[in-house]
Amino acid sequence: MRLSPLTIALFFLLFIAKANAEDMSYLLNSTPTARAAAQTRFMKTKLNLSQDDVAKVQAINQQYAEKIEPILKGSSMVFFKMHDIKAILEQKDDDLRNVLTPGQFDVYANAKDELKQAVRQDLGH
């Protein structure tokens, strides 16, 4: 039996959506405040932030965690959720660029996978 390219593409989309859903499960069981606090703790340490910068970063993390919350809890397919969340996180990066030094932002940008793992661990998953 020969599979069409469309069938193969749909299979991969479903596989990616399932993987992303499992990847997002720890986020669904947390609050925006807990996620923002975990992100801020990681960034404070990793970026050696001043107390003033910690307050600014915390406010940004909280603001965007709250923006993402209805998307996470919404009924859209995971693929569409990820697309919407990505757009919000790009806005967040723009706001962080205004607070962090260029060097700090580069470290942050390069440590996003590490940040994700730290938040997951911090939230107990």
N, C-alpha and C. Protein backbone atom coordinates (compact mmCIF):
# COMPACT_ATOMS: atom_id res chain seq x y z
N MET A 1 0.84 -1.17 0.00
CA MET A 1 0.00 0.00 0.00
C MET A 1 0.89 1.24 0.00
N ARG A 2 0.60 2.16 -0.87
CA ARG A 2 1.38 3.38 -1.00
C ARG A 2 0.64 4.52 -0.30
N LEU A 3 1.35 5.25 0.53
CA LEU A 3 0.75 6.37 1.24
C LEU A 3 0.97 7.66 0.45
N SER A 4 -0.05 8.48 0.41
CA SER A 4 0.07 9.74 -0.30
C SER A 4 0.87 10.73 0.55
N PRO A 5 1.48 11.73 -0.10
CA PRO A 5 2.21 12.75 0.67
C PRO A 5 1.32 13.47 1.68
N LEU A 6 0.04 13.65 1.34
CA LEU A 6 -0.89 14.31 2.25
C LEU A 6 -1.10 13.45 3.51
N THR A 7 -1.23 12.16 3.34
CA THR A 7 -1.40 11.26 4.48
C THR A 7 -0.17 11.29 5.38
N ILE A 8 0.98 11.30 4.78
CA ILE A 8 2.22 11.35 5.55
C ILE A 8 2.32 12.68 6.30
N ALA A 9 1.99 13.78 5.63
CA ALA A 9 2.04 15.10 6.27
C ALA A 9 1.07 15.17 7.44
N LEU A 10 -0.14 14.64 7.26
CA LEU A 10 -1.12 14.65 8.36
C LEU A 10 -0.64 13.82 9.54
N PHE A 11 -0.02 12.69 9.25
CA PHE A 11 0.53 11.86 10.32
C PHE A 11 1.55 12.64 11.13
N PHE A 12 2.47 13.32 10.45
CA PHE A 12 3.49 14.09 11.16
C PHE A 12 2.90 15.26 11.93
N LEU A 13 1.89 15.91 11.39
CA LEU A 13 1.22 17.00 12.12
C LEU A 13 0.58 16.47 13.40
N LEU A 14 -0.08 15.33 13.31
CA LEU A 14 -0.70 14.74 14.50
C LEU A 14 0.36 14.31 15.51
N PHE A 15 1.45 13.74 15.04
CA PHE A 15 2.53 13.33 15.93
C PHE A 15 3.13 14.54 16.64
N ILE A 16 3.38 15.62 15.90
CA ILE A 16 3.94 16.84 16.48
C ILE A 16 2.96 17.45 17.48
N ALA A 17 1.67 17.47 17.12
CA ALA A 17 0.66 18.02 18.03
C ALA A 17 0.61 17.22 19.32
N LYS A 18 0.68 15.89 19.24
CA LYS A 18 0.66 15.06 20.45
C LYS A 18 1.90 15.33 21.30
N ALA A 19 3.05 15.43 20.67
CA ALA A 19 4.29 15.70 21.40
C ALA A 19 4.22 17.06 22.07
N ASN A 20 3.69 18.06 21.37
CA ASN A 20 3.57 19.40 21.96
C ASN A 20 2.56 19.40 23.10
N ALA A 21 1.50 18.63 22.98
CA ALA A 21 0.50 18.55 24.05
C ALA A 21 1.14 17.98 25.31
N GLU A 22 1.93 16.93 25.16
CA GLU A 22 2.61 16.34 26.31
C GLU A 22 3.62 17.33 26.88
N ASP A 23 4.27 18.08 26.00
CA ASP A 23 5.26 19.07 26.41
C ASP A 23 4.61 20.21 27.19
N MET A 24 3.35 20.51 26.88
CA MET A 24 2.65 21.63 27.53
C MET A 24 1.90 21.22 28.78
N SER A 25 1.82 19.94 29.09
CA SER A 25 0.98 19.49 30.19
C SER A 25 1.37 20.11 31.53
N TYR A 26 2.65 20.30 31.77
CA TYR A 26 3.06 20.90 33.05
C TYR A 26 2.61 22.36 33.14
N LEU A 27 2.44 23.02 32.01
CA LEU A 27 1.96 24.40 32.02
C LEU A 27 0.49 24.47 32.37
N LEU A 28 -0.27 23.50 31.92
CA LEU A 28 -1.71 23.49 32.17
C LEU A 28 -2.03 23.32 33.65
N ASN A 29 -1.13 22.72 34.39
CA ASN A 29 -1.35 22.46 35.81
C ASN A 29 -0.69 23.49 36.71
N SER A 30 -0.40 24.66 36.16
CA SER A 30 0.23 25.71 36.95
C SER A 30 -0.52 27.02 36.75
N THR A 31 -0.20 27.98 37.59
CA THR A 31 -0.82 29.30 37.48
C THR A 31 0.13 30.25 36.76
N PRO A 32 -0.41 31.34 36.20
CA PRO A 32 0.47 32.33 35.59
C PRO A 32 1.51 32.87 36.58
N THR A 33 1.10 33.06 37.82
CA THR A 33 2.01 33.60 38.83
C THR A 33 3.15 32.62 39.11
N ALA A 34 2.84 31.34 39.20
CA ALA A 34 3.88 30.34 39.44
C ALA A 34 4.84 30.26 38.26
N ARG A 35 4.31 30.31 37.05
CA ARG A 35 5.17 30.26 35.86
C ARG A 35 6.07 31.49 35.79
N ALA A 36 5.50 32.67 36.06
CA ALA A 36 6.28 33.90 36.02
C ALA A 36 7.37 33.89 37.08
N ALA A 37 7.05 33.42 38.27
CA ALA A 37 8.04 33.36 39.35
C ALA A 37 9.17 32.41 39.01
N ALA A 38 8.84 31.26 38.43
CA ALA A 38 9.87 30.28 38.06
C ALA A 38 10.78 30.86 36.97
N GLN A 39 10.20 31.53 36.00
CA GLN A 39 11.00 32.15 34.94
C GLN A 39 11.92 33.22 35.52
N THR A 40 11.38 34.02 36.41
CA THR A 40 12.16 35.11 37.01
C THR A 40 13.31 34.58 37.84
N ARG A 41 13.06 33.53 38.63
CA ARG A 41 14.15 32.93 39.43
C ARG A 41 15.29 32.47 38.53
N PHE A 42 14.95 31.79 37.45
CA PHE A 42 15.96 31.31 36.52
C PHE A 42 16.72 32.49 35.91
N MET A 43 15.99 33.49 35.44
CA MET A 43 16.62 34.63 34.77
C MET A 43 17.48 35.45 35.73
N LYS A 44 17.03 35.58 36.98
CA LYS A 44 17.81 36.32 37.97
C LYS A 44 19.19 35.69 38.13
N THR A 45 19.22 34.39 38.25
CA THR A 45 20.48 33.68 38.43
C THR A 45 21.30 33.64 37.15
N LYS A 46 20.68 33.24 36.06
CA LYS A 46 21.39 33.04 34.80
C LYS A 46 21.93 34.35 34.23
N LEU A 47 21.17 35.44 34.41
CA LEU A 47 21.55 36.73 33.80
C LEU A 47 22.19 37.69 34.79
N ASN A 48 22.33 37.25 36.05
CA ASN A 48 22.92 38.10 37.08
C ASN A 48 22.22 39.47 37.12
N LEU A 49 20.91 39.44 37.28
CA LEU A 49 20.10 40.66 37.25
C LEU A 49 20.23 41.46 38.54
N SER A 50 20.19 42.77 38.41
CA SER A 50 20.13 43.66 39.57
C SER A 50 18.73 43.56 40.17
N GLN A 51 18.55 44.03 41.40
CA GLN A 51 17.24 44.00 42.04
C GLN A 51 16.22 44.79 41.23
N ASP A 52 16.64 45.93 40.67
CA ASP A 52 15.76 46.75 39.85
C ASP A 52 15.32 45.98 38.61
N ASP A 53 16.28 45.31 37.98
CA ASP A 53 15.97 44.53 36.78
C ASP A 53 15.10 43.32 37.11
N VAL A 54 15.30 42.71 38.28
CA VAL A 54 14.47 41.57 38.69
C VAL A 54 13.01 42.01 38.75
N ALA A 55 12.75 43.18 39.33
CA ALA A 55 11.37 43.67 39.43
C ALA A 55 10.77 43.90 38.04
N LYS A 56 11.56 44.45 37.13
CA LYS A 56 11.07 44.71 35.77
C LYS A 56 10.82 43.40 35.03
N VAL A 57 11.74 42.46 35.15
CA VAL A 57 11.60 41.16 34.49
C VAL A 57 10.41 40.40 35.07
N GLN A 58 10.23 40.46 36.38
CA GLN A 58 9.09 39.79 37.03
C GLN A 58 7.78 40.35 36.47
N ALA A 59 7.68 41.66 36.33
CA ALA A 59 6.47 42.28 35.80
C ALA A 59 6.20 41.82 34.37
N ILE A 60 7.24 41.76 33.56
CA ILE A 60 7.09 41.31 32.17
C ILE A 60 6.67 39.84 32.14
N ASN A 61 7.35 39.01 32.94
CA ASN A 61 7.00 37.59 32.97
C ASN A 61 5.56 37.38 33.41
N GLN A 62 5.12 38.14 34.41
CA GLN A 62 3.74 38.02 34.90
C GLN A 62 2.74 38.46 33.83
N GLN A 63 3.03 39.57 33.19
CA GLN A 63 2.14 40.10 32.15
C GLN A 63 1.93 39.08 31.03
N TYR A 64 3.00 38.50 30.57
CA TYR A 64 2.89 37.56 29.46
C TYR A 64 2.38 36.20 29.88
N ALA A 65 2.64 35.79 31.10
CA ALA A 65 2.06 34.53 31.60
C ALA A 65 0.54 34.66 31.65
N GLU A 66 0.06 35.83 32.03
CA GLU A 66 -1.39 36.07 32.06
C GLU A 66 -1.98 36.13 30.66
N LYS A 67 -1.22 36.69 29.70
CA LYS A 67 -1.71 36.72 28.31
C LYS A 67 -1.80 35.32 27.72
N ILE A 68 -0.89 34.46 28.12
CA ILE A 68 -0.85 33.10 27.58
C ILE A 68 -1.90 32.20 28.22
N GLU A 69 -2.29 32.50 29.43
CA GLU A 69 -3.20 31.63 30.20
C GLU A 69 -4.48 31.25 29.43
N PRO A 70 -5.21 32.20 28.85
CA PRO A 70 -6.44 31.79 28.15
C PRO A 70 -6.16 30.90 26.92
N ILE A 71 -5.01 31.07 26.33
CA ILE A 71 -4.65 30.22 25.18
C ILE A 71 -4.38 28.80 25.67
N LEU A 72 -3.61 28.68 26.75
CA LEU A 72 -3.31 27.36 27.31
C LEU A 72 -4.58 26.62 27.70
N LYS A 73 -5.51 27.32 28.33
CA LYS A 73 -6.73 26.69 28.84
C LYS A 73 -7.83 26.62 27.78
N GLY A 74 -7.60 27.21 26.61
CA GLY A 74 -8.59 27.23 25.55
C GLY A 74 -8.78 25.87 24.89
N SER A 75 -9.75 25.82 24.01
CA SER A 75 -10.11 24.55 23.37
C SER A 75 -9.50 24.37 21.98
N SER A 76 -8.64 25.29 21.57
CA SER A 76 -8.00 25.16 20.26
C SER A 76 -7.09 23.95 20.21
N MET A 77 -6.80 23.50 19.01
CA MET A 77 -5.84 22.41 18.83
C MET A 77 -4.46 22.89 19.26
N VAL A 78 -3.64 21.98 19.73
CA VAL A 78 -2.32 22.31 20.25
C VAL A 78 -1.49 23.07 19.21
N PHE A 79 -1.59 22.67 17.96
CA PHE A 79 -0.82 23.34 16.91
C PHE A 79 -1.15 24.83 16.87
N PHE A 80 -2.44 25.17 16.95
CA PHE A 80 -2.85 26.57 16.92
C PHE A 80 -2.46 27.29 18.21
N LYS A 81 -2.54 26.58 19.33
CA LYS A 81 -2.10 27.17 20.60
C LYS A 81 -0.63 27.55 20.52
N MET A 82 0.18 26.64 20.01
CA MET A 82 1.62 26.89 19.91
C MET A 82 1.90 28.10 19.02
N HIS A 83 1.16 28.22 17.94
CA HIS A 83 1.32 29.36 17.03
C HIS A 83 1.00 30.67 17.76
N ASP A 84 -0.12 30.70 18.48
CA ASP A 84 -0.53 31.91 19.21
C ASP A 84 0.45 32.24 20.33
N ILE A 85 0.91 31.23 21.04
CA ILE A 85 1.86 31.44 22.13
C ILE A 85 3.18 31.97 21.58
N LYS A 86 3.61 31.45 20.46
CA LYS A 86 4.86 31.92 19.85
C LYS A 86 4.79 33.41 19.54
N ALA A 87 3.67 33.87 19.02
CA ALA A 87 3.50 35.29 18.71
C ALA A 87 3.58 36.14 19.98
N ILE A 88 2.98 35.67 21.05
CA ILE A 88 3.02 36.40 22.33
C ILE A 88 4.44 36.42 22.88
N LEU A 89 5.14 35.31 22.78
CA LEU A 89 6.52 35.24 23.29
C LEU A 89 7.46 36.14 22.49
N GLU A 90 7.17 36.36 21.24
CA GLU A 90 7.98 37.30 20.44
C GLU A 90 7.78 38.73 20.97
N GLN A 91 6.55 39.07 21.34
CA GLN A 91 6.28 40.38 21.95
C GLN A 91 7.02 40.50 23.28
N LYS A 92 7.00 39.41 24.05
CA LYS A 92 7.69 39.40 25.34
C LYS A 92 9.18 39.65 25.14
N ASP A 93 9.77 39.00 24.15
CA ASP A 93 11.20 39.22 23.86
C ASP A 93 11.47 40.69 23.54
N ASP A 94 10.57 41.33 22.81
CA ASP A 94 10.74 42.76 22.51
C ASP A 94 10.75 43.58 23.79
N ASP A 95 9.86 43.26 24.73
CA ASP A 95 9.84 43.98 26.00
C ASP A 95 11.10 43.69 26.83
N LEU A 96 11.56 42.45 26.81
CA LEU A 96 12.78 42.12 27.56
C LEU A 96 14.01 42.81 26.98
N ARG A 97 14.02 43.03 25.69
CA ARG A 97 15.15 43.74 25.06
C ARG A 97 15.30 45.15 25.64
N ASN A 98 14.18 45.74 26.08
CA ASN A 98 14.21 47.09 26.65
C ASN A 98 14.72 47.11 28.09
N VAL A 99 14.79 45.95 28.73
CA VAL A 99 15.23 45.86 30.12
C VAL A 99 16.64 45.29 30.21
N LEU A 100 16.89 44.24 29.45
CA LEU A 100 18.17 43.55 29.53
C LEU A 100 19.23 44.24 28.67
N THR A 101 20.48 44.07 29.06
CA THR A 101 21.57 44.54 28.21
C THR A 101 21.63 43.61 26.99
N PRO A 102 22.29 44.04 25.91
CA PRO A 102 22.41 43.14 24.76
C PRO A 102 23.07 41.80 25.13
N GLY A 103 24.07 41.83 25.99
CA GLY A 103 24.72 40.59 26.42
C GLY A 103 23.77 39.70 27.20
N GLN A 104 23.01 40.29 28.11
CA GLN A 104 22.05 39.51 28.89
C GLN A 104 20.98 38.92 27.98
N PHE A 105 20.52 39.71 27.02
CA PHE A 105 19.49 39.20 26.12
C PHE A 105 20.02 38.03 25.30
N ASP A 106 21.26 38.12 24.85
CA ASP A 106 21.85 37.01 24.10
C ASP A 106 21.92 35.74 24.94
N VAL A 107 22.31 35.88 26.20
CA VAL A 107 22.36 34.72 27.10
C VAL A 107 20.95 34.15 27.27
N TYR A 108 19.99 35.03 27.49
CA TYR A 108 18.59 34.61 27.63
C TYR A 108 18.11 33.88 26.37
N ALA A 109 18.36 34.47 25.21
CA ALA A 109 17.91 33.87 23.95
C ALA A 109 18.53 32.50 23.72
N ASN A 110 19.79 32.36 24.10
CA ASN A 110 20.48 31.08 23.90
C ASN A 110 20.15 30.05 24.98
N ALA A 111 19.51 30.49 26.05
CA ALA A 111 19.21 29.58 27.17
C ALA A 111 17.72 29.25 27.27
N LYS A 112 16.96 29.47 26.21
CA LYS A 112 15.51 29.24 26.29
C LYS A 112 15.16 27.78 26.58
N ASP A 113 15.90 26.85 26.00
CA ASP A 113 15.64 25.44 26.31
C ASP A 113 15.96 25.13 27.77
N GLU A 114 17.05 25.71 28.25
CA GLU A 114 17.43 25.54 29.65
C GLU A 114 16.38 26.18 30.56
N LEU A 115 15.85 27.33 30.17
CA LEU A 115 14.79 28.01 30.92
C LEU A 115 13.56 27.13 30.99
N LYS A 116 13.18 26.55 29.87
CA LYS A 116 12.01 25.68 29.82
C LYS A 116 12.18 24.50 30.78
N GLN A 117 13.35 23.89 30.80
CA GLN A 117 13.61 22.76 31.69
C GLN A 117 13.60 23.20 33.16
N ALA A 118 14.17 24.38 33.43
CA ALA A 118 14.20 24.89 34.79
C ALA A 118 12.80 25.19 35.30
N VAL A 119 11.96 25.77 34.45
CA VAL A 119 10.58 26.07 34.84
C VAL A 119 9.82 24.77 35.09
N ARG A 120 10.00 23.82 34.20
CA ARG A 120 9.34 22.51 34.38
C ARG A 120 9.74 21.89 35.71
N GLN A 121 11.02 21.93 36.01
CA GLN A 121 11.52 21.35 37.26
C GLN A 121 11.01 22.16 38.46
N ASP A 122 11.03 23.48 38.33
CA ASP A 122 10.57 24.36 39.42
C ASP A 122 9.09 24.14 39.72
N LEU A 123 8.31 23.86 38.68
CA LEU A 123 6.88 23.65 38.88
C LEU A 123 6.56 22.23 39.34
N GLY A 124 7.62 21.43 39.50
CA GLY A 124 7.44 20.10 40.06
C GLY A 124 7.04 19.03 39.08
N HIS A 125 7.43 19.19 37.81
CA HIS A 125 7.05 18.18 36.79
C HIS A 125 8.28 17.67 36.12
